[in-house]
Amino acid sequence: MLRYILKRSGSLVLSLAVASLIIFAVTEIAPGDPASFMLGLNSQPETLAALRTELGLDVPKIQRYFAWVGGMLTGDFGTSYTYRTEVSDMVADRIAVSLPLAAYALAISVVIAIPAGLFAASRRGGAGDTGVMAATQLGVAVPNFWFAMMLVLVFAIHWSWFPAGGFPGWNKGVGTGLRALTLPAIALALPQAAILTRVMRSALLDVLSEDFMRTARAKGLSPRQALWRHGLRNAFIPVLTVIGLQFSFLFAGTIIIEQVFYLPGLGRLIFQSISARDLIVVESVVMLVVFGVIMINFLVDLAYAAVDPRLRTRA
C-alpha cells in the first residue's frame, strides 16, 4: 500500500505542476490589462506605467510565474489588484460558503441515488425500474440552473419555505446557514443524483450476475442477504469513483449556481475577478480549486485501493 501511495503522490505533484503552468499561461494570454482596466481608457501613460510597476506587472512573465508558485507554496497567494487585500483572506471568507455547499449537495445526491439505484436494480425490467430510469434521464438532461430557477419559484416565492438567495453567514447559526444553502444544494445535487443512480444500478446488476453471488445463494442466503453481505461492497467500487468525481465537479462547478442564488462563494469570486481583470485572484482561486479537485481524486484512489487490493499491484 505504501508503494501505491508513493506512486500516486508523484502523479499528484506532476498534475499540480502542469495545472499551474496551464492556469498561469491561459490567464496571462487572455485579453485585458489589469492596470488599464483599473485606470480607464483615458489614463496617462506615465500613470499606467507606475501602476503596472506597483502591481508587479512589468517584470518578465516567467519571473512572475515562479514568484506566484513560490508564494502559494508558502501560503502567500498575493494581494488583490482590485480590493487591495490578501487573496488568502478573500479565499478563506468565500470557501466557507462553497465547500459546505458542495458537501451538502453531495450528501443529497448520495442519499437520493443509493436507495434509488438499489430499488431499480432489485426490480430490473419492472415498472419501478422503468420509472427510476425515466426520472434519471430527465435529471441528466435538464440543466441545474433551470432546476435552480424552478426551486426558487416554488419553494422560495410561492411557499416561502426557503430564502430565494443570499447567505446570512454562519455566525447567524448553522440551521440558518444550511437553510440558505438548501435550494442551491438541491439544484446542484439533482443532476448528479441521476448520474449516480444509473451507476449504482449498473454496478449492482453486474455484481448480481457474478459467480460469487450465485455461490452465496447456493449456500442458503436469500437474494437480499446475498446482496447486502457480498454485493454492495463490490458494487461500491465504481460508485466510489463517481462520488469522488462528483464532489470535484460540485466544488468546481458552483459558479452558475452561486450567481443564481447570489451566494458569496468561490465561484462568484472567480466570476467577479475575471470581470475586473484581477489576474492574481483568478490564478490563485482557480489553482486552489484544481488543488482541491486533484486531492479529492487522490483520496478516492486510495479508498478505491483499500476496497479492492488488486489495484495496488496493477498500479
C-alpha atoms as a PDB file:
ATOM      1  CA  MET A   1       0.000   0.000   0.000  1.00  0.00           C
ATOM      2  CA  LEU A   2       2.915   2.375   0.766  1.00  0.00           C
ATOM      3  CA  ARG A   3       4.332   1.905  -2.747  1.00  0.00           C
ATOM      4  CA  TYR A   4       0.907   2.622  -4.221  1.00  0.00           C
ATOM      5  CA  ILE A   5       0.608   5.820  -2.156  1.00  0.00           C
ATOM      6  CA  LEU A   6       4.085   6.999  -3.231  1.00  0.00           C
ATOM      7  CA  LYS A   7       3.313   6.436  -6.909  1.00  0.00           C
ATOM      8  CA  ARG A   8       0.022   8.273  -6.633  1.00  0.00           C
ATOM      9  CA  SER A   9       1.741  11.112  -4.750  1.00  0.00           C
ATOM     10  CA  GLY A  10       4.208  11.509  -7.630  1.00  0.00           C
ATOM     11  CA  SER A  11       1.333  11.748 -10.109  1.00  0.00           C
ATOM     12  CA  LEU A  12      -0.366  14.289  -7.850  1.00  0.00           C
ATOM     13  CA  VAL A  13       2.685  16.576  -7.752  1.00  0.00           C
ATOM     14  CA  LEU A  14       3.152  16.331 -11.527  1.00  0.00           C
ATOM     15  CA  SER A  15      -0.535  17.117 -12.128  1.00  0.00           C
ATOM     16  CA  LEU A  16      -0.331  20.201  -9.897  1.00  0.00           C
ATOM     17  CA  ALA A  17       2.800  21.450 -11.677  1.00  0.00           C
ATOM     18  CA  VAL A  18       1.210  21.065 -15.109  1.00  0.00           C
ATOM     19  CA  ALA A  19      -2.028  22.647 -13.896  1.00  0.00           C
ATOM     20  CA  SER A  20      -0.177  25.688 -12.513  1.00  0.00           C
ATOM     21  CA  LEU A  21       1.581  26.215 -15.841  1.00  0.00           C
ATOM     22  CA  ILE A  22      -1.657  25.963 -17.820  1.00  0.00           C
ATOM     23  CA  ILE A  23      -3.610  28.243 -15.453  1.00  0.00           C
ATOM     24  CA  PHE A  24      -0.896  30.915 -15.464  1.00  0.00           C
ATOM     25  CA  ALA A  25      -0.395  30.764 -19.249  1.00  0.00           C
ATOM     26  CA  VAL A  26      -4.100  30.883 -20.103  1.00  0.00           C
ATOM     27  CA  THR A  27      -4.775  33.732 -17.666  1.00  0.00           C
ATOM     28  CA  GLU A  28      -1.837  35.780 -18.906  1.00  0.00           C
ATOM     29  CA  ILE A  29      -2.639  35.470 -22.612  1.00  0.00           C
ATOM     30  CA  ALA A  30      -6.281  36.398 -22.063  1.00  0.00           C
ATOM     31  CA  PRO A  31      -7.032  39.894 -23.401  1.00  0.00           C
ATOM     32  CA  GLY A  32      -7.273  42.789 -20.970  1.00  0.00           C
ATOM     33  CA  ASP A  33      -4.597  44.594 -18.980  1.00  0.00           C
ATOM     34  CA  PRO A  34      -5.442  44.898 -15.235  1.00  0.00           C
ATOM     35  CA  ALA A  35      -3.805  48.336 -14.907  1.00  0.00           C
ATOM     36  CA  SER A  36      -5.647  49.727 -17.947  1.00  0.00           C
ATOM     37  CA  PHE A  37      -8.916  48.311 -16.623  1.00  0.00           C
ATOM     38  CA  MET A  38      -8.386  49.953 -13.224  1.00  0.00           C
ATOM     39  CA  LEU A  39      -7.414  53.386 -14.609  1.00  0.00           C
ATOM     40  CA  GLY A  40      -9.789  53.508 -17.542  1.00  0.00           C
ATOM     41  CA  LEU A  41      -9.318  54.307 -21.220  1.00  0.00           C
ATOM     42  CA  ASN A  42      -8.168  57.914 -20.696  1.00  0.00           C
ATOM     43  CA  SER A  43      -5.286  57.147 -18.331  1.00  0.00           C
ATOM     44  CA  GLN A  44      -1.906  58.803 -18.878  1.00  0.00           C
ATOM     45  CA  PRO A  45       0.962  56.522 -19.997  1.00  0.00           C
ATOM     46  CA  GLU A  46       3.092  57.591 -17.013  1.00  0.00           C
ATOM     47  CA  THR A  47       0.312  56.774 -14.559  1.00  0.00           C
ATOM     48  CA  LEU A  48      -0.327  53.466 -16.290  1.00  0.00           C
ATOM     49  CA  ALA A  49       3.368  52.532 -16.150  1.00  0.00           C
ATOM     50  CA  ALA A  50       3.559  53.444 -12.459  1.00  0.00           C
ATOM     51  CA  LEU A  51       0.551  51.286 -11.633  1.00  0.00           C
ATOM     52  CA  ARG A  52       1.956  48.354 -13.623  1.00  0.00           C
ATOM     53  CA  THR A  53       5.185  48.666 -11.613  1.00  0.00           C
ATOM     54  CA  GLU A  54       3.224  48.841  -8.365  1.00  0.00           C
ATOM     55  CA  LEU A  55       1.259  45.696  -9.263  1.00  0.00           C
ATOM     56  CA  GLY A  56       4.407  43.873 -10.405  1.00  0.00           C
ATOM     57  CA  LEU A  57       3.144  43.528 -13.981  1.00  0.00           C
ATOM     58  CA  ASP A  58       6.295  44.974 -15.561  1.00  0.00           C
ATOM     59  CA  VAL A  59       8.557  42.019 -14.727  1.00  0.00           C
ATOM     60  CA  PRO A  60       9.028  39.064 -17.133  1.00  0.00           C
ATOM     61  CA  LYS A  61       6.203  36.526 -17.071  1.00  0.00           C
ATOM     62  CA  ILE A  62       8.481  33.610 -16.208  1.00  0.00           C
ATOM     63  CA  GLN A  63       9.694  35.524 -13.139  1.00  0.00           C
ATOM     64  CA  ARG A  64       6.109  36.275 -12.152  1.00  0.00           C
ATOM     65  CA  TYR A  65       5.187  32.599 -12.575  1.00  0.00           C
ATOM     66  CA  PHE A  66       7.881  31.357 -10.202  1.00  0.00           C
ATOM     67  CA  ALA A  67       7.106  34.150  -7.736  1.00  0.00           C
ATOM     68  CA  TRP A  68       3.417  33.153  -7.825  1.00  0.00           C
ATOM     69  CA  VAL A  69       4.110  29.413  -7.395  1.00  0.00           C
ATOM     70  CA  GLY A  70       6.669  30.065  -4.653  1.00  0.00           C
ATOM     71  CA  GLY A  71       4.233  32.304  -2.820  1.00  0.00           C
ATOM     72  CA  MET A  72       1.451  29.706  -2.988  1.00  0.00           C
ATOM     73  CA  LEU A  73       3.765  27.027  -1.605  1.00  0.00           C
ATOM     74  CA  THR A  74       4.340  29.224   1.448  1.00  0.00           C
ATOM     75  CA  GLY A  75       0.685  30.208   1.795  1.00  0.00           C
ATOM     76  CA  ASP A  76       1.107  33.676   0.251  1.00  0.00           C
ATOM     77  CA  PHE A  77      -1.491  33.976  -2.520  1.00  0.00           C
ATOM     78  CA  GLY A  78      -0.631  37.614  -3.228  1.00  0.00           C
ATOM     79  CA  THR A  79      -2.683  40.805  -2.986  1.00  0.00           C
ATOM     80  CA  SER A  80      -5.814  41.511  -4.998  1.00  0.00           C
ATOM     81  CA  TYR A  81      -5.347  44.258  -7.612  1.00  0.00           C
ATOM     82  CA  THR A  82      -8.919  45.434  -7.170  1.00  0.00           C
ATOM     83  CA  TYR A  83      -9.655  45.063  -3.468  1.00  0.00           C
ATOM     84  CA  ARG A  84      -6.045  45.595  -2.258  1.00  0.00           C
ATOM     85  CA  THR A  85      -6.496  42.849   0.339  1.00  0.00           C
ATOM     86  CA  GLU A  86      -4.752  39.496   0.768  1.00  0.00           C
ATOM     87  CA  VAL A  87      -6.151  36.862  -1.583  1.00  0.00           C
ATOM     88  CA  SER A  88      -5.845  34.256   1.184  1.00  0.00           C
ATOM     89  CA  ASP A  89      -8.249  36.279   3.361  1.00  0.00           C
ATOM     90  CA  MET A  90     -10.732  36.566   0.493  1.00  0.00           C
ATOM     91  CA  VAL A  91     -10.486  32.815  -0.184  1.00  0.00           C
ATOM     92  CA  ALA A  92     -10.996  31.980   3.497  1.00  0.00           C
ATOM     93  CA  ASP A  93     -14.236  34.014   3.531  1.00  0.00           C
ATOM     94  CA  ARG A  94     -15.564  32.525   0.299  1.00  0.00           C
ATOM     95  CA  ILE A  95     -14.603  28.890   0.836  1.00  0.00           C
ATOM     96  CA  ALA A  96     -16.719  28.898   3.999  1.00  0.00           C
ATOM     97  CA  VAL A  97     -19.698  29.028   1.633  1.00  0.00           C
ATOM     98  CA  SER A  98     -18.559  26.963  -1.365  1.00  0.00           C
ATOM     99  CA  LEU A  99     -17.167  23.965   0.499  1.00  0.00           C
ATOM    100  CA  PRO A 100     -20.254  23.368   2.708  1.00  0.00           C
ATOM    101  CA  LEU A 101     -22.454  23.912  -0.365  1.00  0.00           C
ATOM    102  CA  ALA A 102     -20.584  21.222  -2.335  1.00  0.00           C
ATOM    103  CA  ALA A 103     -20.598  18.813   0.624  1.00  0.00           C
ATOM    104  CA  TYR A 104     -24.324  19.445   1.224  1.00  0.00           C
ATOM    105  CA  ALA A 105     -25.096  18.801  -2.457  1.00  0.00           C
ATOM    106  CA  LEU A 106     -23.034  15.612  -2.461  1.00  0.00           C
ATOM    107  CA  ALA A 107     -24.817  14.333   0.648  1.00  0.00           C
ATOM    108  CA  ILE A 108     -28.199  14.967  -1.002  1.00  0.00           C
ATOM    109  CA  SER A 109     -27.019  13.248  -4.185  1.00  0.00           C
ATOM    110  CA  VAL A 110     -25.859  10.128  -2.304  1.00  0.00           C
ATOM    111  CA  VAL A 111     -28.985   9.968  -0.131  1.00  0.00           C
ATOM    112  CA  ILE A 112     -31.172  10.015  -3.263  1.00  0.00           C
ATOM    113  CA  ALA A 113     -29.034   7.839  -5.550  1.00  0.00           C
ATOM    114  CA  ILE A 114     -28.072   4.843  -3.400  1.00  0.00           C
ATOM    115  CA  PRO A 115     -31.639   3.810  -2.444  1.00  0.00           C
ATOM    116  CA  ALA A 116     -32.908   4.621  -5.956  1.00  0.00           C
ATOM    117  CA  GLY A 117     -30.174   2.501  -7.557  1.00  0.00           C
ATOM    118  CA  LEU A 118     -30.892  -0.367  -5.174  1.00  0.00           C
ATOM    119  CA  PHE A 119     -34.615  -0.100  -5.860  1.00  0.00           C
ATOM    120  CA  ALA A 120     -34.148  -0.090  -9.636  1.00  0.00           C
ATOM    121  CA  ALA A 121     -31.646  -2.985  -9.649  1.00  0.00           C
ATOM    122  CA  SER A 122     -33.840  -5.137  -7.424  1.00  0.00           C
ATOM    123  CA  ARG A 123     -36.776  -4.611  -9.826  1.00  0.00           C
ATOM    124  CA  ARG A 124     -34.917  -4.951 -13.121  1.00  0.00           C
ATOM    125  CA  GLY A 125     -37.258  -4.695 -16.093  1.00  0.00           C
ATOM    126  CA  GLY A 126     -40.283  -3.869 -13.932  1.00  0.00           C
ATOM    127  CA  ALA A 127     -42.349  -0.733 -13.667  1.00  0.00           C
ATOM    128  CA  GLY A 128     -40.270   0.567 -10.749  1.00  0.00           C
ATOM    129  CA  ASP A 129     -37.044   0.165 -12.699  1.00  0.00           C
ATOM    130  CA  THR A 130     -38.541   1.885 -15.749  1.00  0.00           C
ATOM    131  CA  GLY A 131     -39.830   4.779 -13.643  1.00  0.00           C
ATOM    132  CA  VAL A 132     -36.461   5.329 -11.936  1.00  0.00           C
ATOM    133  CA  MET A 133     -34.597   5.210 -15.256  1.00  0.00           C
ATOM    134  CA  ALA A 134     -37.012   7.708 -16.805  1.00  0.00           C
ATOM    135  CA  ALA A 135     -36.513  10.047 -13.853  1.00  0.00           C
ATOM    136  CA  THR A 136     -32.720   9.781 -14.166  1.00  0.00           C
ATOM    137  CA  GLN A 137     -32.876  10.578 -17.880  1.00  0.00           C
ATOM    138  CA  LEU A 138     -34.831  13.712 -17.035  1.00  0.00           C
ATOM    139  CA  GLY A 139     -32.355  14.600 -14.282  1.00  0.00           C
ATOM    140  CA  VAL A 140     -29.367  14.260 -16.603  1.00  0.00           C
ATOM    141  CA  ALA A 141     -30.983  16.170 -19.467  1.00  0.00           C
ATOM    142  CA  VAL A 142     -32.241  19.227 -17.570  1.00  0.00           C
ATOM    143  CA  PRO A 143     -29.529  21.814 -16.669  1.00  0.00           C
ATOM    144  CA  ASN A 144     -29.121  22.619 -12.996  1.00  0.00           C
ATOM    145  CA  PHE A 145     -29.727  26.377 -13.446  1.00  0.00           C
ATOM    146  CA  TRP A 146     -33.256  25.524 -14.661  1.00  0.00           C
ATOM    147  CA  PHE A 147     -33.746  23.386 -11.553  1.00  0.00           C
ATOM    148  CA  ALA A 148     -32.463  26.349  -9.522  1.00  0.00           C
ATOM    149  CA  MET A 149     -34.984  28.777 -11.016  1.00  0.00           C
ATOM    150  CA  MET A 150     -37.880  26.333 -10.551  1.00  0.00           C
ATOM    151  CA  LEU A 151     -36.888  25.708  -6.927  1.00  0.00           C
ATOM    152  CA  VAL A 152     -36.833  29.455  -6.268  1.00  0.00           C
ATOM    153  CA  LEU A 153     -40.251  29.937  -7.884  1.00  0.00           C
ATOM    154  CA  VAL A 154     -41.882  27.082  -5.955  1.00  0.00           C
ATOM    155  CA  PHE A 155     -40.146  26.880  -2.570  1.00  0.00           C
ATOM    156  CA  ALA A 156     -38.975  30.478  -2.097  1.00  0.00           C
ATOM    157  CA  ILE A 157     -41.542  32.680  -3.847  1.00  0.00           C
ATOM    158  CA  HIS A 158     -44.738  30.573  -3.775  1.00  0.00           C
ATOM    159  CA  TRP A 159     -44.389  28.727  -0.451  1.00  0.00           C
ATOM    160  CA  SER A 160     -41.693  30.880   1.266  1.00  0.00           C
ATOM    161  CA  TRP A 161     -40.064  27.830   2.831  1.00  0.00           C
ATOM    162  CA  PHE A 162     -36.523  28.903   1.965  1.00  0.00           C
ATOM    163  CA  PRO A 163     -34.816  32.213   1.083  1.00  0.00           C
ATOM    164  CA  ALA A 164     -34.569  32.976  -2.631  1.00  0.00           C
ATOM    165  CA  GLY A 165     -30.907  33.956  -2.403  1.00  0.00           C
ATOM    166  CA  GLY A 166     -28.084  35.411  -0.347  1.00  0.00           C
ATOM    167  CA  PHE A 167     -26.217  33.955   2.597  1.00  0.00           C
ATOM    168  CA  PRO A 168     -26.614  35.311   6.157  1.00  0.00           C
ATOM    169  CA  GLY A 169     -23.273  33.936   7.420  1.00  0.00           C
ATOM    170  CA  TRP A 170     -22.501  31.062   9.756  1.00  0.00           C
ATOM    171  CA  ASN A 171     -22.495  33.467  12.733  1.00  0.00           C
ATOM    172  CA  LYS A 172     -26.319  33.519  12.422  1.00  0.00           C
ATOM    173  CA  GLY A 173     -26.394  29.819  13.279  1.00  0.00           C
ATOM    174  CA  VAL A 174     -25.777  26.538  11.461  1.00  0.00           C
ATOM    175  CA  GLY A 175     -29.502  25.985  10.888  1.00  0.00           C
ATOM    176  CA  THR A 176     -29.927  29.407   9.286  1.00  0.00           C
ATOM    177  CA  GLY A 177     -26.869  28.857   7.086  1.00  0.00           C
ATOM    178  CA  LEU A 178     -27.992  25.409   5.966  1.00  0.00           C
ATOM    179  CA  ARG A 179     -31.482  26.737   5.220  1.00  0.00           C
ATOM    180  CA  ALA A 180     -29.946  29.336   2.890  1.00  0.00           C
ATOM    181  CA  LEU A 181     -27.876  26.649   1.147  1.00  0.00           C
ATOM    182  CA  THR A 182     -30.678  24.080   0.802  1.00  0.00           C
ATOM    183  CA  LEU A 183     -32.139  25.192  -2.548  1.00  0.00           C
ATOM    184  CA  PRO A 184     -28.694  25.735  -4.165  1.00  0.00           C
ATOM    185  CA  ALA A 185     -27.566  22.325  -2.884  1.00  0.00           C
ATOM    186  CA  ILE A 186     -30.670  20.597  -4.269  1.00  0.00           C
ATOM    187  CA  ALA A 187     -30.198  22.317  -7.641  1.00  0.00           C
ATOM    188  CA  LEU A 188     -26.595  21.115  -7.750  1.00  0.00           C
ATOM    189  CA  ALA A 189     -27.437  17.633  -6.465  1.00  0.00           C
ATOM    190  CA  LEU A 190     -30.319  16.567  -8.728  1.00  0.00           C
ATOM    191  CA  PRO A 191     -28.330  16.036 -11.976  1.00  0.00           C
ATOM    192  CA  GLN A 192     -25.546  14.316 -10.015  1.00  0.00           C
ATOM    193  CA  ALA A 193     -28.061  12.089  -8.218  1.00  0.00           C
ATOM    194  CA  ALA A 194     -29.428  10.996 -11.598  1.00  0.00           C
ATOM    195  CA  ILE A 195     -25.959  10.007 -12.814  1.00  0.00           C
ATOM    196  CA  LEU A 196     -25.082   8.233  -9.571  1.00  0.00           C
ATOM    197  CA  THR A 197     -28.369   6.304  -9.596  1.00  0.00           C
ATOM    198  CA  ARG A 198     -27.602   4.915 -13.044  1.00  0.00           C
ATOM    199  CA  VAL A 199     -24.056   3.954 -11.981  1.00  0.00           C
ATOM    200  CA  MET A 200     -25.339   2.304  -8.807  1.00  0.00           C
ATOM    201  CA  ARG A 201     -27.963   0.319 -10.704  1.00  0.00           C
ATOM    202  CA  SER A 202     -25.490  -0.785 -13.373  1.00  0.00           C
ATOM    203  CA  ALA A 203     -22.853  -1.789 -10.809  1.00  0.00           C
ATOM    204  CA  LEU A 204     -25.381  -3.809  -8.815  1.00  0.00           C
ATOM    205  CA  LEU A 205     -26.648  -5.617 -11.903  1.00  0.00           C
ATOM    206  CA  ASP A 206     -23.073  -6.524 -12.841  1.00  0.00           C
ATOM    207  CA  VAL A 207     -22.382  -7.846  -9.343  1.00  0.00           C
ATOM    208  CA  LEU A 208     -25.614  -9.843  -9.219  1.00  0.00           C
ATOM    209  CA  SER A 209     -24.505 -11.816 -12.283  1.00  0.00           C
ATOM    210  CA  GLU A 210     -21.127 -12.782 -10.771  1.00  0.00           C
ATOM    211  CA  ASP A 211     -20.298 -16.377  -9.760  1.00  0.00           C
ATOM    212  CA  PHE A 212     -19.685 -15.497  -6.117  1.00  0.00           C
ATOM    213  CA  MET A 213     -23.237 -14.204  -5.847  1.00  0.00           C
ATOM    214  CA  ARG A 214     -24.598 -17.496  -7.183  1.00  0.00           C
ATOM    215  CA  THR A 215     -22.352 -19.316  -4.681  1.00  0.00           C
ATOM    216  CA  ALA A 216     -23.710 -17.189  -1.856  1.00  0.00           C
ATOM    217  CA  ARG A 217     -27.253 -18.044  -2.947  1.00  0.00           C
ATOM    218  CA  ALA A 218     -26.328 -21.743  -3.171  1.00  0.00           C
ATOM    219  CA  LYS A 219     -25.144 -21.612   0.456  1.00  0.00           C
ATOM    220  CA  GLY A 220     -28.646 -20.697   1.525  1.00  0.00           C
ATOM    221  CA  LEU A 221     -28.607 -16.897   1.583  1.00  0.00           C
ATOM    222  CA  SER A 222     -31.706 -15.137   0.383  1.00  0.00           C
ATOM    223  CA  PRO A 223     -31.288 -12.697  -2.566  1.00  0.00           C
ATOM    224  CA  ARG A 224     -31.464  -9.756  -0.174  1.00  0.00           C
ATOM    225  CA  GLN A 225     -28.927 -11.287   2.252  1.00  0.00           C
ATOM    226  CA  ALA A 226     -26.517 -12.086  -0.608  1.00  0.00           C
ATOM    227  CA  LEU A 227     -26.896  -8.551  -1.916  1.00  0.00           C
ATOM    228  CA  TRP A 228     -26.229  -6.880   1.451  1.00  0.00           C
ATOM    229  CA  ARG A 229     -23.382  -9.183   2.534  1.00  0.00           C
ATOM    230  CA  HIS A 230     -21.488  -9.602  -0.733  1.00  0.00           C
ATOM    231  CA  GLY A 231     -22.973  -7.482  -3.495  1.00  0.00           C
ATOM    232  CA  LEU A 232     -22.926  -3.979  -2.077  1.00  0.00           C
ATOM    233  CA  ARG A 233     -19.214  -3.998  -1.176  1.00  0.00           C
ATOM    234  CA  ASN A 234     -18.214  -4.817  -4.757  1.00  0.00           C
ATOM    235  CA  ALA A 235     -20.806  -2.538  -6.320  1.00  0.00           C
ATOM    236  CA  PHE A 236     -19.466   0.415  -4.327  1.00  0.00           C
ATOM    237  CA  ILE A 237     -16.088   0.325  -6.137  1.00  0.00           C
ATOM    238  CA  PRO A 238     -17.277   2.173  -9.295  1.00  0.00           C
ATOM    239  CA  VAL A 239     -19.728   4.177  -7.188  1.00  0.00           C
ATOM    240  CA  LEU A 240     -16.867   5.497  -5.033  1.00  0.00           C
ATOM    241  CA  THR A 241     -15.056   6.709  -8.132  1.00  0.00           C
ATOM    242  CA  VAL A 242     -18.130   8.551  -9.375  1.00  0.00           C
ATOM    243  CA  ILE A 243     -18.757  10.090  -5.935  1.00  0.00           C
ATOM    244  CA  GLY A 244     -15.211  11.467  -5.932  1.00  0.00           C
ATOM    245  CA  LEU A 245     -15.617  12.890  -9.414  1.00  0.00           C
ATOM    246  CA  GLN A 246     -18.984  14.353  -8.454  1.00  0.00           C
ATOM    247  CA  PHE A 247     -17.559  16.180  -5.447  1.00  0.00           C
ATOM    248  CA  SER A 248     -14.848  17.583  -7.702  1.00  0.00           C
ATOM    249  CA  PHE A 249     -17.495  18.727 -10.176  1.00  0.00           C
ATOM    250  CA  LEU A 250     -19.714  20.178  -7.456  1.00  0.00           C
ATOM    251  CA  PHE A 251     -16.805  22.022  -5.830  1.00  0.00           C
ATOM    252  CA  ALA A 252     -15.582  23.438  -9.118  1.00  0.00           C
ATOM    253  CA  GLY A 253     -18.977  23.870 -10.749  1.00  0.00           C
ATOM    254  CA  THR A 254     -20.713  26.203  -8.330  1.00  0.00           C
ATOM    255  CA  ILE A 255     -20.115  29.321 -10.439  1.00  0.00           C
ATOM    256  CA  ILE A 256     -23.548  29.356 -12.107  1.00  0.00           C
ATOM    257  CA  ILE A 257     -25.491  28.283  -9.010  1.00  0.00           C
ATOM    258  CA  GLU A 258     -23.749  30.883  -6.842  1.00  0.00           C
ATOM    259  CA  GLN A 259     -24.685  33.501  -9.428  1.00  0.00           C
ATOM    260  CA  VAL A 260     -28.324  32.367  -9.492  1.00  0.00           C
ATOM    261  CA  PHE A 261     -28.637  32.419  -5.685  1.00  0.00           C
ATOM    262  CA  TYR A 262     -26.280  35.378  -5.157  1.00  0.00           C
ATOM    263  CA  LEU A 263     -24.045  33.381  -2.821  1.00  0.00           C
ATOM    264  CA  PRO A 264     -20.671  34.877  -1.811  1.00  0.00           C
ATOM    265  CA  GLY A 265     -18.636  31.762  -2.652  1.00  0.00           C
ATOM    266  CA  LEU A 266     -15.514  30.959  -4.639  1.00  0.00           C
ATOM    267  CA  GLY A 267     -17.425  30.628  -7.894  1.00  0.00           C
ATOM    268  CA  ARG A 268     -18.829  34.126  -7.571  1.00  0.00           C
ATOM    269  CA  LEU A 269     -15.368  35.432  -6.602  1.00  0.00           C
ATOM    270  CA  ILE A 270     -13.867  33.921  -9.778  1.00  0.00           C
ATOM    271  CA  PHE A 271     -16.628  35.473 -11.888  1.00  0.00           C
ATOM    272  CA  GLN A 272     -16.140  38.918 -10.306  1.00  0.00           C
ATOM    273  CA  SER A 273     -12.343  38.709 -10.607  1.00  0.00           C
ATOM    274  CA  ILE A 274     -12.468  37.773 -14.287  1.00  0.00           C
ATOM    275  CA  SER A 275     -14.775  40.728 -14.920  1.00  0.00           C
ATOM    276  CA  ALA A 276     -12.335  43.068 -13.115  1.00  0.00           C
ATOM    277  CA  ARG A 277      -9.186  41.526 -14.741  1.00  0.00           C
ATOM    278  CA  ASP A 278      -7.913  40.765 -11.235  1.00  0.00           C
ATOM    279  CA  LEU A 279      -5.465  38.171 -12.536  1.00  0.00           C
ATOM    280  CA  ILE A 280      -3.789  37.263  -9.259  1.00  0.00           C
ATOM    281  CA  VAL A 281      -7.145  36.374  -7.697  1.00  0.00           C
ATOM    282  CA  VAL A 282      -8.254  34.373 -10.758  1.00  0.00           C
ATOM    283  CA  GLU A 283      -4.994  32.422 -10.894  1.00  0.00           C
ATOM    284  CA  SER A 284      -4.870  31.723  -7.165  1.00  0.00           C
ATOM    285  CA  VAL A 285      -8.510  30.745  -6.739  1.00  0.00           C
ATOM    286  CA  VAL A 286      -8.566  28.535  -9.837  1.00  0.00           C
ATOM    287  CA  MET A 287      -5.324  26.866  -8.708  1.00  0.00           C
ATOM    288  CA  LEU A 288      -6.842  26.301  -5.277  1.00  0.00           C
ATOM    289  CA  VAL A 289      -9.928  24.718  -6.837  1.00  0.00           C
ATOM    290  CA  VAL A 290      -7.737  22.498  -9.034  1.00  0.00           C
ATOM    291  CA  PHE A 291      -5.713  21.506  -5.983  1.00  0.00           C
ATOM    292  CA  GLY A 292      -8.915  20.553  -4.173  1.00  0.00           C
ATOM    293  CA  VAL A 293     -10.169  18.523  -7.125  1.00  0.00           C
ATOM    294  CA  ILE A 294      -6.859  16.657  -7.541  1.00  0.00           C
ATOM    295  CA  MET A 295      -6.630  15.954  -3.814  1.00  0.00           C
ATOM    296  CA  ILE A 296     -10.175  14.575  -3.779  1.00  0.00           C
ATOM    297  CA  ASN A 297      -9.360  12.270  -6.683  1.00  0.00           C
ATOM    298  CA  PHE A 298      -6.177  11.207  -4.884  1.00  0.00           C
ATOM    299  CA  LEU A 299      -8.153  10.284  -1.766  1.00  0.00           C
ATOM    300  CA  VAL A 300     -10.715   8.439  -3.906  1.00  0.00           C
ATOM    301  CA  ASP A 301      -7.900   6.424  -5.498  1.00  0.00           C
ATOM    302  CA  LEU A 302      -6.671   5.469  -2.032  1.00  0.00           C
ATOM    303  CA  ALA A 303     -10.177   4.462  -0.975  1.00  0.00           C
ATOM    304  CA  TYR A 304     -10.529   2.526  -4.217  1.00  0.00           C
ATOM    305  CA  ALA A 305      -7.295   0.610  -3.484  1.00  0.00           C
ATOM    306  CA  ALA A 306      -8.409  -0.052   0.076  1.00  0.00           C
ATOM    307  CA  VAL A 307     -11.667  -1.610  -1.145  1.00  0.00           C
ATOM    308  CA  ASP A 308     -10.002  -3.598  -3.970  1.00  0.00           C
ATOM    309  CA  PRO A 309      -6.408  -4.687  -3.028  1.00  0.00           C
ATOM    310  CA  ARG A 310      -5.789  -5.897  -6.618  1.00  0.00           C
ATOM    311  CA  LEU A 311      -5.403  -2.280  -7.714  1.00  0.00           C
ATOM    312  CA  ARG A 312      -2.275  -1.837  -5.584  1.00  0.00           C
ATOM    313  CA  THR A 313      -0.389  -4.394  -7.669  1.00  0.00           C
ATOM    314  CA  ARG A 314      -1.679  -3.089 -11.011  1.00  0.00           C
ATOM    315  CA  ALA A 315      -0.544   0.495 -10.337  1.00  0.00           C
END
